[in-house]
PDB file of all heavy atoms in Angstrom:
ATOM      1  N   GLY A   1       0.802  -1.230   0.000  1.00  0.00           N
ATOM      2  CA  GLY A   1       0.000   0.000   0.000  1.00  0.00           C
ATOM      3  C   GLY A   1       0.824   1.264   0.000  1.00  0.00           C
ATOM      4  O   GLY A   1       0.356   2.317   0.446  1.00  0.00           O
ATOM      5  N   VAL A   2       2.067   1.200  -0.522  1.00  0.00           N
ATOM      6  CA  VAL A   2       2.972   2.347  -0.454  1.00  0.00           C
ATOM      7  C   VAL A   2       2.803   3.267  -1.657  1.00  0.00           C
ATOM      8  O   VAL A   2       2.291   2.868  -2.705  1.00  0.00           O
ATOM      9  CB  VAL A   2       4.436   1.884  -0.367  1.00  0.00           C
ATOM     10  CG1 VAL A   2       4.670   1.106   0.923  1.00  0.00           C
ATOM     11  CG2 VAL A   2       4.819   1.030  -1.571  1.00  0.00           C
ATOM     12  N   ASP A   3       3.264   4.491  -1.500  1.00  0.00           N
ATOM     13  CA  ASP A   3       3.258   5.472  -2.577  1.00  0.00           C
ATOM     14  C   ASP A   3       4.604   5.556  -3.273  1.00  0.00           C
ATOM     15  O   ASP A   3       4.680   5.900  -4.457  1.00  0.00           O
ATOM     16  CB  ASP A   3       2.876   6.848  -2.030  1.00  0.00           C
ATOM     17  CG  ASP A   3       1.509   6.832  -1.372  1.00  0.00           C
ATOM     18  OD1 ASP A   3       0.512   6.715  -2.087  1.00  0.00           O
ATOM     19  OD2 ASP A   3       1.464   6.901  -0.123  1.00  0.00           O
ATOM     20  N   LEU A   4       5.679   5.272  -2.531  1.00  0.00           N
ATOM     21  CA  LEU A   4       7.031   5.288  -3.083  1.00  0.00           C
ATOM     22  C   LEU A   4       7.812   4.119  -2.482  1.00  0.00           C
ATOM     23  O   LEU A   4       7.620   3.779  -1.302  1.00  0.00           O
ATOM     24  CB  LEU A   4       7.753   6.596  -2.767  1.00  0.00           C
ATOM     25  CG  LEU A   4       7.046   7.896  -3.175  1.00  0.00           C
ATOM     26  CD1 LEU A   4       6.469   8.592  -1.932  1.00  0.00           C
ATOM     27  CD2 LEU A   4       8.008   8.846  -3.897  1.00  0.00           C
ATOM     28  N   LEU A   5       8.688   3.512  -3.293  1.00  0.00           N
ATOM     29  CA  LEU A   5       9.435   2.349  -2.826  1.00  0.00           C
ATOM     30  C   LEU A   5      10.794   2.314  -3.504  1.00  0.00           C
ATOM     31  O   LEU A   5      10.905   2.493  -4.714  1.00  0.00           O
ATOM     32  CB  LEU A   5       8.655   1.058  -3.116  1.00  0.00           C
ATOM     33  CG  LEU A   5       9.292  -0.263  -2.690  1.00  0.00           C
ATOM     34  CD1 LEU A   5       8.216  -1.240  -2.184  1.00  0.00           C
ATOM     35  CD2 LEU A   5      10.080  -0.900  -3.840  1.00  0.00           C
ATOM     36  N   THR A   6      11.832   2.074  -2.710  1.00  0.00           N
ATOM     37  CA  THR A   6      13.216   2.049  -3.182  1.00  0.00           C
ATOM     38  C   THR A   6      13.660   0.631  -3.500  1.00  0.00           C
ATOM     39  O   THR A   6      13.453  -0.285  -2.701  1.00  0.00           O
ATOM     40  CB  THR A   6      14.138   2.659  -2.114  1.00  0.00           C
ATOM     41  OG1 THR A   6      13.862   4.062  -2.011  1.00  0.00           O
ATOM     42  CG2 THR A   6      15.597   2.453  -2.446  1.00  0.00           C
ATOM     43  N   VAL A   7      14.281   0.456  -4.664  1.00  0.00           N
ATOM     44  CA  VAL A   7      14.851  -0.815  -5.107  1.00  0.00           C
ATOM     45  C   VAL A   7      16.352  -0.619  -5.304  1.00  0.00           C
ATOM     46  O   VAL A   7      16.773   0.379  -5.903  1.00  0.00           O
ATOM     47  CB  VAL A   7      14.222  -1.277  -6.437  1.00  0.00           C
ATOM     48  CG1 VAL A   7      14.862  -2.578  -6.923  1.00  0.00           C
ATOM     49  CG2 VAL A   7      12.708  -1.441  -6.297  1.00  0.00           C
ATOM     50  N   VAL A   8      17.155  -1.572  -4.834  1.00  0.00           N
ATOM     51  CA  VAL A   8      18.611  -1.500  -4.990  1.00  0.00           C
ATOM     52  C   VAL A   8      19.095  -2.788  -5.651  1.00  0.00           C
ATOM     53  O   VAL A   8      18.931  -3.874  -5.098  1.00  0.00           O
ATOM     54  CB  VAL A   8      19.305  -1.288  -3.640  1.00  0.00           C
ATOM     55  CG1 VAL A   8      20.818  -1.291  -3.810  1.00  0.00           C
ATOM     56  CG2 VAL A   8      18.852   0.020  -3.014  1.00  0.00           C
ATOM     57  N   GLY A   9      19.749  -2.652  -6.818  1.00  0.00           N
ATOM     58  CA  GLY A   9      20.104  -3.816  -7.613  1.00  0.00           C
ATOM     59  C   GLY A   9      21.124  -4.741  -6.980  1.00  0.00           C
ATOM     60  O   GLY A   9      20.981  -5.967  -7.031  1.00  0.00           O
ATOM     61  N   HIS A  10      22.169  -4.186  -6.366  1.00  0.00           N
ATOM     62  CA  HIS A  10      23.275  -5.051  -5.946  1.00  0.00           C
ATOM     63  C   HIS A  10      22.970  -5.879  -4.712  1.00  0.00           C
ATOM     64  O   HIS A  10      23.788  -6.711  -4.301  1.00  0.00           O
ATOM     65  CB  HIS A  10      24.554  -4.228  -5.739  1.00  0.00           C
ATOM     66  CG  HIS A  10      24.588  -3.401  -4.500  1.00  0.00           C
ATOM     67  ND1 HIS A  10      25.209  -3.816  -3.352  1.00  0.00           N
ATOM     68  CD2 HIS A  10      24.103  -2.167  -4.229  1.00  0.00           C
ATOM     69  CE1 HIS A  10      25.104  -2.882  -2.425  1.00  0.00           C
ATOM     70  NE2 HIS A  10      24.441  -1.871  -2.920  1.00  0.00           N
ATOM     71  N   LYS A  11      21.794  -5.715  -4.140  1.00  0.00           N
ATOM     72  CA  LYS A  11      21.416  -6.549  -3.002  1.00  0.00           C
ATOM     73  C   LYS A  11      20.855  -7.902  -3.435  1.00  0.00           C
ATOM     74  O   LYS A  11      20.703  -8.805  -2.603  1.00  0.00           O
ATOM     75  CB  LYS A  11      20.370  -5.830  -2.128  1.00  0.00           C
ATOM     76  CG  LYS A  11      20.806  -4.476  -1.596  1.00  0.00           C
ATOM     77  CD  LYS A  11      22.016  -4.538  -0.717  1.00  0.00           C
ATOM     78  CE  LYS A  11      22.312  -3.164  -0.100  1.00  0.00           C
ATOM     79  NZ  LYS A  11      23.522  -3.198   0.739  1.00  0.00           N
ATOM     80  N   PHE A  12      20.538  -8.066  -4.740  1.00  0.00           N
ATOM     81  CA  PHE A  12      19.965  -9.345  -5.172  1.00  0.00           C
ATOM     82  C   PHE A  12      20.456  -9.782  -6.547  1.00  0.00           C
ATOM     83  O   PHE A  12      19.723 -10.406  -7.309  1.00  0.00           O
ATOM     84  CB  PHE A  12      18.433  -9.325  -5.101  1.00  0.00           C
ATOM     85  CG  PHE A  12      17.741  -8.337  -5.995  1.00  0.00           C
ATOM     86  CD1 PHE A  12      17.105  -8.759  -7.156  1.00  0.00           C
ATOM     87  CD2 PHE A  12      17.694  -6.996  -5.670  1.00  0.00           C
ATOM     88  CE1 PHE A  12      16.453  -7.859  -7.977  1.00  0.00           C
ATOM     89  CE2 PHE A  12      17.025  -6.089  -6.485  1.00  0.00           C
ATOM     90  CZ  PHE A  12      16.409  -6.520  -7.645  1.00  0.00           C
ATOM     91  N   GLY A  13      21.720  -9.496  -6.849  1.00  0.00           N
ATOM     92  CA  GLY A  13      22.323 -10.100  -8.024  1.00  0.00           C
ATOM     93  C   GLY A  13      22.501  -9.212  -9.219  1.00  0.00           C
ATOM     94  O   GLY A  13      23.025  -9.645 -10.250  1.00  0.00           O
ATOM     95  N   ALA A  14      22.077  -7.959  -9.164  1.00  0.00           N
ATOM     96  CA  ALA A  14      22.361  -6.970 -10.197  1.00  0.00           C
ATOM     97  C   ALA A  14      23.638  -6.229  -9.818  1.00  0.00           C
ATOM     98  O   ALA A  14      24.151  -6.383  -8.706  1.00  0.00           O
ATOM     99  CB  ALA A  14      21.180  -6.012 -10.353  1.00  0.00           C
ATOM    100  N   PRO A  15      24.178  -5.408 -10.714  1.00  0.00           N
ATOM    101  CA  PRO A  15      25.427  -4.707 -10.375  1.00  0.00           C
ATOM    102  C   PRO A  15      25.219  -3.559  -9.405  1.00  0.00           C
ATOM    103  O   PRO A  15      24.101  -3.079  -9.209  1.00  0.00           O
ATOM    104  CB  PRO A  15      25.905  -4.181 -11.737  1.00  0.00           C
ATOM    105  CG  PRO A  15      24.661  -4.041 -12.538  1.00  0.00           C
ATOM    106  CD  PRO A  15      23.769  -5.177 -12.101  1.00  0.00           C
ATOM    107  N   LYS A  16      26.312  -3.136  -8.800  1.00  0.00           N
ATOM    108  CA  LYS A  16      26.295  -1.910  -8.006  1.00  0.00           C
ATOM    109  C   LYS A  16      26.114  -0.721  -8.945  1.00  0.00           C
ATOM    110  O   LYS A  16      26.487  -0.778 -10.116  1.00  0.00           O
ATOM    111  CB  LYS A  16      27.594  -1.764  -7.221  1.00  0.00           C
ATOM    112  CG  LYS A  16      27.881  -2.935  -6.287  1.00  0.00           C
ATOM    113  CD  LYS A  16      29.279  -2.825  -5.731  1.00  0.00           C
ATOM    114  CE  LYS A  16      29.663  -4.088  -4.985  1.00  0.00           C
ATOM    115  NZ  LYS A  16      29.806  -5.254  -5.909  1.00  0.00           N
ATOM    116  N   GLY A  17      25.555   0.351  -8.422  1.00  0.00           N
ATOM    117  CA  GLY A  17      25.420   1.555  -9.229  1.00  0.00           C
ATOM    118  C   GLY A  17      24.130   1.655 -10.004  1.00  0.00           C
ATOM    119  O   GLY A  17      24.023   2.481 -10.914  1.00  0.00           O
ATOM    120  N   VAL A  18      23.131   0.854  -9.642  1.00  0.00           N
ATOM    121  CA  VAL A  18      21.829   0.979 -10.297  1.00  0.00           C
ATOM    122  C   VAL A  18      20.735   0.621  -9.294  1.00  0.00           C
ATOM    123  O   VAL A  18      20.883  -0.271  -8.461  1.00  0.00           O
ATOM    124  CB  VAL A  18      21.725   0.081 -11.547  1.00  0.00           C
ATOM    125  CG1 VAL A  18      21.749  -1.407 -11.183  1.00  0.00           C
ATOM    126  CG2 VAL A  18      20.475   0.411 -12.359  1.00  0.00           C
ATOM    127  N   GLY A  19      19.657   1.369  -9.359  1.00  0.00           N
ATOM    128  CA  GLY A  19      18.484   1.125  -8.514  1.00  0.00           C
ATOM    129  C   GLY A  19      17.275   1.728  -9.186  1.00  0.00           C
ATOM    130  O   GLY A  19      17.337   2.185 -10.338  1.00  0.00           O
ATOM    131  N   ALA A  20      16.186   1.734  -8.470  1.00  0.00           N
ATOM    132  CA  ALA A  20      14.953   2.293  -9.017  1.00  0.00           C
ATOM    133  C   ALA A  20      14.102   2.850  -7.892  1.00  0.00           C
ATOM    134  O   ALA A  20      14.194   2.398  -6.740  1.00  0.00           O
ATOM    135  CB  ALA A  20      14.170   1.233  -9.796  1.00  0.00           C
ATOM    136  N   LEU A  21      13.287   3.830  -8.237  1.00  0.00           N
ATOM    137  CA  LEU A  21      12.295   4.352  -7.312  1.00  0.00           C
ATOM    138  C   LEU A  21      10.929   4.167  -7.933  1.00  0.00           C
ATOM    139  O   LEU A  21      10.667   4.632  -9.044  1.00  0.00           O
ATOM    140  CB  LEU A  21      12.533   5.838  -7.023  1.00  0.00           C
ATOM    141  CG  LEU A  21      11.515   6.485  -6.072  1.00  0.00           C
ATOM    142  CD1 LEU A  21      11.637   5.890  -4.667  1.00  0.00           C
ATOM    143  CD2 LEU A  21      11.691   7.999  -6.032  1.00  0.00           C
ATOM    144  N   TYR A  22      10.059   3.460  -7.212  1.00  0.00           N
ATOM    145  CA  TYR A  22       8.656   3.362  -7.595  1.00  0.00           C
ATOM    146  C   TYR A  22       7.935   4.587  -7.069  1.00  0.00           C
ATOM    147  O   TYR A  22       8.072   4.943  -5.890  1.00  0.00           O
ATOM    148  CB  TYR A  22       8.029   2.094  -7.006  1.00  0.00           C
ATOM    149  CG  TYR A  22       6.518   2.141  -6.936  1.00  0.00           C
ATOM    150  CD1 TYR A  22       5.740   1.922  -8.069  1.00  0.00           C
ATOM    151  CD2 TYR A  22       5.864   2.428  -5.740  1.00  0.00           C
ATOM    152  CE1 TYR A  22       4.351   1.980  -8.009  1.00  0.00           C
ATOM    153  CE2 TYR A  22       4.491   2.485  -5.668  1.00  0.00           C
ATOM    154  CZ  TYR A  22       3.734   2.263  -6.808  1.00  0.00           C
ATOM    155  OH  TYR A  22       2.358   2.330  -6.732  1.00  0.00           O
ATOM    156  N   VAL A  23       7.182   5.239  -7.947  1.00  0.00           N
ATOM    157  CA  VAL A  23       6.365   6.391  -7.568  1.00  0.00           C
ATOM    158  C   VAL A  23       4.945   6.139  -8.074  1.00  0.00           C
ATOM    159  O   VAL A  23       4.708   6.124  -9.285  1.00  0.00           O
ATOM    160  CB  VAL A  23       6.906   7.705  -8.179  1.00  0.00           C
ATOM    161  CG1 VAL A  23       6.064   8.890  -7.715  1.00  0.00           C
ATOM    162  CG2 VAL A  23       8.373   7.918  -7.804  1.00  0.00           C
ATOM    163  N   ARG A  24       4.040   5.920  -7.156  1.00  0.00           N
ATOM    164  CA  ARG A  24       2.646   5.668  -7.543  1.00  0.00           C
ATOM    165  C   ARG A  24       2.118   6.827  -8.392  1.00  0.00           C
ATOM    166  O   ARG A  24       2.376   8.003  -8.091  1.00  0.00           O
ATOM    167  CB  ARG A  24       1.777   5.482  -6.295  1.00  0.00           C
ATOM    168  CG  ARG A  24       0.317   5.109  -6.601  1.00  0.00           C
ATOM    169  CD  ARG A  24      -0.480   4.987  -5.310  1.00  0.00           C
ATOM    170  NE  ARG A  24      -0.024   3.869  -4.499  1.00  0.00           N
ATOM    171  CZ  ARG A  24      -0.434   2.602  -4.674  1.00  0.00           C
ATOM    172  NH1 ARG A  24      -1.298   2.317  -5.634  1.00  0.00           N
ATOM    173  NH2 ARG A  24       0.028   1.654  -3.885  1.00  0.00           N
ATOM    174  N   LYS A  25       1.399   6.491  -9.420  1.00  0.00           N
ATOM    175  CA  LYS A  25       0.852   7.509 -10.316  1.00  0.00           C
ATOM    176  C   LYS A  25       0.064   8.549  -9.517  1.00  0.00           C
ATOM    177  O   LYS A  25      -0.769   8.215  -8.686  1.00  0.00           O
ATOM    178  CB  LYS A  25      -0.054   6.858 -11.355  1.00  0.00           C
ATOM    179  CG  LYS A  25      -0.570   7.822 -12.420  1.00  0.00           C
ATOM    180  CD  LYS A  25      -1.424   7.104 -13.457  1.00  0.00           C
ATOM    181  CE  LYS A  25      -1.943   8.084 -14.501  1.00  0.00           C
ATOM    182  NZ  LYS A  25      -2.804   7.405 -15.519  1.00  0.00           N
ATOM    183  N   GLY A  26       0.369   9.825  -9.760  1.00  0.00           N
ATOM    184  CA  GLY A  26      -0.319  10.921  -9.083  1.00  0.00           C
ATOM    185  C   GLY A  26       0.366  11.400  -7.827  1.00  0.00           C
ATOM    186  O   GLY A  26      -0.064  12.391  -7.232  1.00  0.00           O
ATOM    187  N   THR A  27       1.453  10.713  -7.399  1.00  0.00           N
ATOM    188  CA  THR A  27       2.172  11.131  -6.192  1.00  0.00           C
ATOM    189  C   THR A  27       2.987  12.391  -6.484  1.00  0.00           C
ATOM    190  O   THR A  27       3.771  12.413  -7.434  1.00  0.00           O
ATOM    191  CB  THR A  27       3.119  10.013  -5.718  1.00  0.00           C
ATOM    192  OG1 THR A  27       2.339   8.847  -5.410  1.00  0.00           O
ATOM    193  CG2 THR A  27       3.890  10.443  -4.480  1.00  0.00           C
ATOM    194  N   PRO A  28       2.821  13.435  -5.691  1.00  0.00           N
ATOM    195  CA  PRO A  28       3.581  14.669  -5.937  1.00  0.00           C
ATOM    196  C   PRO A  28       5.036  14.510  -5.536  1.00  0.00           C
ATOM    197  O   PRO A  28       5.350  14.218  -4.382  1.00  0.00           O
ATOM    198  CB  PRO A  28       2.873  15.695  -5.044  1.00  0.00           C
ATOM    199  CG  PRO A  28       2.259  14.890  -3.944  1.00  0.00           C
ATOM    200  CD  PRO A  28       1.890  13.566  -4.546  1.00  0.00           C
ATOM    201  N   VAL A  29       5.945  14.684  -6.490  1.00  0.00           N
ATOM    202  CA  VAL A  29       7.375  14.596  -6.216  1.00  0.00           C
ATOM    203  C   VAL A  29       8.110  15.417  -7.265  1.00  0.00           C
ATOM    204  O   VAL A  29       7.767  15.394  -8.438  1.00  0.00           O
ATOM    205  CB  VAL A  29       7.851  13.118  -6.210  1.00  0.00           C
ATOM    206  CG1 VAL A  29       7.534  12.411  -7.521  1.00  0.00           C
ATOM    207  CG2 VAL A  29       9.320  13.003  -5.860  1.00  0.00           C
ATOM    208  N   ARG A  30       9.102  16.152  -6.804  1.00  0.00           N
ATOM    209  CA  ARG A  30       9.900  16.981  -7.700  1.00  0.00           C
ATOM    210  C   ARG A  30      11.314  16.426  -7.797  1.00  0.00           C
ATOM    211  O   ARG A  30      11.805  15.809  -6.855  1.00  0.00           O
ATOM    212  CB  ARG A  30       9.958  18.428  -7.189  1.00  0.00           C
ATOM    213  CG  ARG A  30       8.631  19.166  -7.333  1.00  0.00           C
ATOM    214  CD  ARG A  30       8.783  20.603  -6.893  1.00  0.00           C
ATOM    215  NE  ARG A  30       7.507  21.329  -6.972  1.00  0.00           N
ATOM    216  CZ  ARG A  30       7.325  22.554  -6.522  1.00  0.00           C
ATOM    217  NH1 ARG A  30       8.334  23.210  -5.963  1.00  0.00           N
ATOM    218  NH2 ARG A  30       6.160  23.140  -6.624  1.00  0.00           N
ATOM    219  N   PRO A  31      11.993  16.665  -8.919  1.00  0.00           N
ATOM    220  CA  PRO A  31      13.371  16.172  -9.048  1.00  0.00           C
ATOM    221  C   PRO A  31      14.301  16.834  -8.043  1.00  0.00           C
ATOM    222  O   PRO A  31      14.111  17.995  -7.675  1.00  0.00           O
ATOM    223  CB  PRO A  31      13.743  16.532 -10.489  1.00  0.00           C
ATOM    224  CG  PRO A  31      12.800  17.619 -10.871  1.00  0.00           C
ATOM    225  CD  PRO A  31      11.525  17.358 -10.119  1.00  0.00           C
ATOM    226  N   VAL A  32      15.305  16.091  -7.625  1.00  0.00           N
ATOM    227  CA  VAL A  32      16.338  16.614  -6.736  1.00  0.00           C
ATOM    228  C   VAL A  32      17.520  17.137  -7.550  1.00  0.00           C
ATOM    229  O   VAL A  32      18.118  18.153  -7.217  1.00  0.00           O
ATOM    230  CB  VAL A  32      16.792  15.519  -5.744  1.00  0.00           C
ATOM    231  CG1 VAL A  32      17.999  15.966  -4.951  1.00  0.00           C
ATOM    232  CG2 VAL A  32      15.646  15.154  -4.799  1.00  0.00           C
ATOM    233  N   LEU A  33      17.835  16.414  -8.627  1.00  0.00           N
ATOM    234  CA  LEU A  33      18.887  16.842  -9.543  1.00  0.00           C
ATOM    235  C   LEU A  33      18.271  17.671 -10.662  1.00  0.00           C
ATOM    236  O   LEU A  33      17.150  17.399 -11.100  1.00  0.00           O
ATOM    237  CB  LEU A  33      19.607  15.631 -10.142  1.00  0.00           C
ATOM    238  CG  LEU A  33      20.281  14.670  -9.152  1.00  0.00           C
ATOM    239  CD1 LEU A  33      20.881  13.486  -9.898  1.00  0.00           C
ATOM    240  CD2 LEU A  33      21.352  15.387  -8.355  1.00  0.00           C
ATOM    241  N   LEU A  34      19.000  18.647 -11.141  1.00  0.00           N
ATOM    242  CA  LEU A  34      18.523  19.498 -12.219  1.00  0.00           C
ATOM    243  C   LEU A  34      19.332  19.222 -13.471  1.00  0.00           C
ATOM    244  O   LEU A  34      20.556  19.119 -13.424  1.00  0.00           O
ATOM    245  CB  LEU A  34      18.628  20.972 -11.821  1.00  0.00           C
ATOM    246  CG  LEU A  34      17.847  21.373 -10.567  1.00  0.00           C
ATOM    247  CD1 LEU A  34      18.057  22.845 -10.275  1.00  0.00           C
ATOM    248  CD2 LEU A  34      16.375  21.042 -10.717  1.00  0.00           C
ATOM    249  N   GLY A  35      18.639  19.088 -14.597  1.00  0.00           N
ATOM    250  CA  GLY A  35      19.312  18.787 -15.847  1.00  0.00           C
ATOM    251  C   GLY A  35      18.310  18.612 -16.959  1.00  0.00           C
ATOM    252  O   GLY A  35      17.300  19.326 -17.013  1.00  0.00           O
ATOM    253  N   ALA A  36      18.568  17.660 -17.825  1.00  0.00           N
ATOM    254  CA  ALA A  36      17.682  17.421 -18.970  1.00  0.00           C
ATOM    255  C   ALA A  36      16.476  16.594 -18.535  1.00  0.00           C
ATOM    256  O   ALA A  36      16.266  16.340 -17.352  1.00  0.00           O
ATOM    257  CB  ALA A  36      18.469  16.738 -20.075  1.00  0.00           C
ATOM    258  N   GLY A  37      15.711  16.150 -19.505  1.00  0.00           N
ATOM    259  CA  GLY A  37      14.418  15.520 -19.200  1.00  0.00           C
ATOM    260  C   GLY A  37      14.426  14.017 -19.144  1.00  0.00           C
ATOM    261  O   GLY A  37      13.388  13.387 -19.396  1.00  0.00           O
ATOM    262  N   HIS A  38      15.560  13.396 -18.791  1.00  0.00           N
ATOM    263  CA  HIS A  38      15.609  11.932 -18.699  1.00  0.00           C
ATOM    264  C   HIS A  38      14.626  11.422 -17.648  1.00  0.00           C
ATOM    265  O   HIS A  38      14.244  12.140 -16.729  1.00  0.00           O
ATOM    266  CB  HIS A  38      17.020  11.468 -18.317  1.00  0.00           C
ATOM    267  CG  HIS A  38      18.100  12.008 -19.201  1.00  0.00           C
ATOM    268  ND1 HIS A  38      18.702  13.218 -18.966  1.00  0.00           N
ATOM    269  CD2 HIS A  38      18.678  11.500 -20.316  1.00  0.00           C
ATOM    270  CE1 HIS A  38      19.622  13.431 -19.893  1.00  0.00           C
ATOM    271  NE2 HIS A  38      19.621  12.407 -20.727  1.00  0.00           N
ATOM    272  N   GLU A  39      14.266  10.152 -17.772  1.00  0.00           N
ATOM    273  CA  GLU A  39      13.338   9.513 -16.825  1.00  0.00           C
ATOM    274  C   GLU A  39      12.091  10.374 -16.618  1.00  0.00           C
ATOM    275  O   GLU A  39      11.673  10.628 -15.477  1.00  0.00           O
ATOM    276  CB  GLU A  39      14.042   9.206 -15.504  1.00  0.00           C
ATOM    277  CG  GLU A  39      15.108   8.131 -15.619  1.00  0.00           C
ATOM    278  CD  GLU A  39      14.566   6.781 -16.066  1.00  0.00           C
ATOM    279  OE1 GLU A  39      13.815   6.150 -15.311  1.00  0.00           O
ATOM    280  OE2 GLU A  39      14.884   6.356 -17.212  1.00  0.00           O
ATOM    281  N   ARG A  40      11.548  10.808 -17.722  1.00  0.00           N
ATOM    282  CA  ARG A  40      10.305  11.598 -17.733  1.00  0.00           C
ATOM    283  C   ARG A  40      10.405  12.823 -16.827  1.00  0.00           C
ATOM    284  O   ARG A  40       9.443  13.220 -16.176  1.00  0.00           O
ATOM    285  CB  ARG A  40       9.122  10.705 -17.361  1.00  0.00           C
ATOM    286  CG  ARG A  40       8.959   9.558 -18.378  1.00  0.00           C
ATOM    287  CD  ARG A  40       7.800   8.646 -18.113  1.00  0.00           C
ATOM    288  NE  ARG A  40       7.775   8.035 -16.803  1.00  0.00           N
ATOM    289  CZ  ARG A  40       8.613   7.057 -16.427  1.00  0.00           C
ATOM    290  NH1 ARG A  40       9.568   6.635 -17.228  1.00  0.00           N
ATOM    291  NH2 ARG A  40       8.502   6.520 -15.244  1.00  0.00           N
ATOM    292  N   GLY A  41      11.612  13.395 -16.804  1.00  0.00           N
ATOM    293  CA  GLY A  41      11.823  14.654 -16.106  1.00  0.00           C
ATOM    294  C   GLY A  41      12.090  14.546 -14.623  1.00  0.00           C
ATOM    295  O   GLY A  41      12.362  15.560 -13.976  1.00  0.00           O
ATOM    296  N   LEU A  42      12.062  13.329 -14.069  1.00  0.00           N
ATOM    297  CA  LEU A  42      12.234  13.198 -12.623  1.00  0.00           C
ATOM    298  C   LEU A  42      13.686  12.945 -12.220  1.00  0.00           C
ATOM    299  O   LEU A  42      14.108  13.341 -11.136  1.00  0.00           O
ATOM    300  CB  LEU A  42      11.346  12.075 -12.073  1.00  0.00           C
ATOM    301  CG  LEU A  42      11.263  11.968 -10.553  1.00  0.00           C
ATOM    302  CD1 LEU A  42      10.761  13.272  -9.933  1.00  0.00           C
ATOM    303  CD2 LEU A  42      10.368  10.807 -10.143  1.00  0.00           C
ATOM    304  N   ARG A  43      14.452  12.310 -13.102  1.00  0.00           N
ATOM    305  CA  ARG A  43      15.838  11.989 -12.737  1.00  0.00           C
ATOM    306  C   ARG A  43      16.742  12.228 -13.948  1.00  0.00           C
ATOM    307  O   ARG A  43      16.930  11.334 -14.766  1.00  0.00           O
ATOM    308  CB  ARG A  43      15.926  10.543 -12.266  1.00  0.00           C
ATOM    309  CG  ARG A  43      17.183  10.212 -11.467  1.00  0.00           C
ATOM    310  CD  ARG A  43      18.379   9.942 -12.353  1.00  0.00           C
ATOM    311  NE  ARG A  43      19.532   9.476 -11.588  1.00  0.00           N
ATOM    312  CZ  ARG A  43      20.670   9.125 -12.141  1.00  0.00           C
ATOM    313  NH1 ARG A  43      20.844   9.173 -13.457  1.00  0.00           N
ATOM    314  NH2 ARG A  43      21.671   8.711 -11.386  1.00  0.00           N
TER     315      ARG A  43
END
C-alpha cells in the first residue's frame, strides 16, 4: 500500500550503481537533480 518504494540492484544479483524508485501515479514529487528531461523529467 505504499506510494514510493526504493529498489537497490546489488542486493539481489544486479550490479552496483543501479536502482529504481517506484512512484505511484499521481504522487507529488519533484526532481532533486537538475538537468535534462531523462526519466520523464524526474531523474
